[in-house]
Amino acid sequence: MLADGGEAIAELTLPRDQAEVSGPATSTPTALRLLAGIDPSALVRPRSARATAWEIT
């Protein structure tokens, strides 16, 4: 979800709804703890890379 540019907490349910495609997914509480622990400054580089990739395509 995050690697694909997910931006909404509601998108956490998609992997669970498609378990036959990608296998078991984490629970929502576990994912929320992970998201809460991310330092916002750590998101600058991935966002910049994604923006650059969108400019190329």
Protein backbone atom coordinates (compact mmCIF):
# COMPACT_ATOMS: atom_id res chain seq x y z
CA MET A 1 0.00 0.00 0.00
CA LEU A 2 2.61 2.56 1.01
CA ALA A 3 5.05 1.54 -1.68
CA ASP A 4 2.33 2.05 -4.25
CA GLY A 5 1.56 5.58 -3.07
CA GLY A 6 -1.35 4.86 -0.76
CA GLU A 7 -2.49 7.96 1.07
CA ALA A 8 -5.55 6.97 3.08
CA ILE A 9 -5.90 4.71 6.10
CA ALA A 10 -8.92 3.13 4.41
CA GLU A 11 -6.54 1.66 1.82
CA LEU A 12 -5.22 -0.70 4.50
CA THR A 13 -8.17 -3.02 3.92
CA LEU A 14 -7.39 -3.63 0.25
CA PRO A 15 -4.57 -6.17 0.81
CA ARG A 16 -6.77 -8.12 3.24
CA ASP A 17 -9.64 -8.13 0.75
CA GLN A 18 -7.30 -9.58 -1.88
CA ALA A 19 -5.42 -12.12 0.23
CA GLU A 20 -5.57 -14.69 -2.57
CA VAL A 21 -3.44 -12.32 -4.69
CA SER A 22 -0.74 -11.22 -2.26
CA GLY A 23 -1.07 -13.55 0.72
CA PRO A 24 -1.94 -12.66 4.31
CA ALA A 25 -1.88 -9.00 5.31
CA THR A 26 -1.19 -7.33 8.62
CA SER A 27 -3.99 -6.29 10.92
CA THR A 28 -5.15 -2.68 10.91
CA PRO A 29 -3.91 -2.01 14.49
CA THR A 30 -0.43 -3.30 13.59
CA ALA A 31 -0.33 -1.16 10.45
CA LEU A 32 -1.48 1.90 12.39
CA ARG A 33 1.30 1.42 14.95
CA LEU A 34 3.79 1.24 12.10
CA LEU A 35 2.43 4.40 10.48
CA ALA A 36 2.42 6.26 13.79
CA GLY A 37 6.10 5.45 14.24
CA ILE A 38 7.25 6.91 10.91
CA ASP A 39 9.22 10.14 11.21
CA PRO A 40 7.68 12.64 8.74
CA SER A 41 11.15 13.74 7.63
CA ALA A 42 11.78 10.16 6.45
CA LEU A 43 8.99 10.55 3.89
CA VAL A 44 10.64 13.37 1.94
CA ARG A 45 12.84 11.16 -0.24
CA PRO A 46 10.17 8.59 -1.19
CA ARG A 47 7.71 11.38 -2.04
CA SER A 48 10.33 13.15 -4.13
CA ALA A 49 11.20 9.92 -5.97
CA ARG A 50 7.54 9.19 -6.66
CA ALA A 51 7.02 12.74 -8.00
CA THR A 52 10.05 12.35 -10.26
CA ALA A 53 8.78 9.02 -11.55
CA TRP A 54 5.41 10.54 -12.38
CA GLU A 55 7.13 13.34 -14.32
CA ILE A 56 9.00 10.79 -16.44
CA THR A 57 5.95 8.75 -17.39
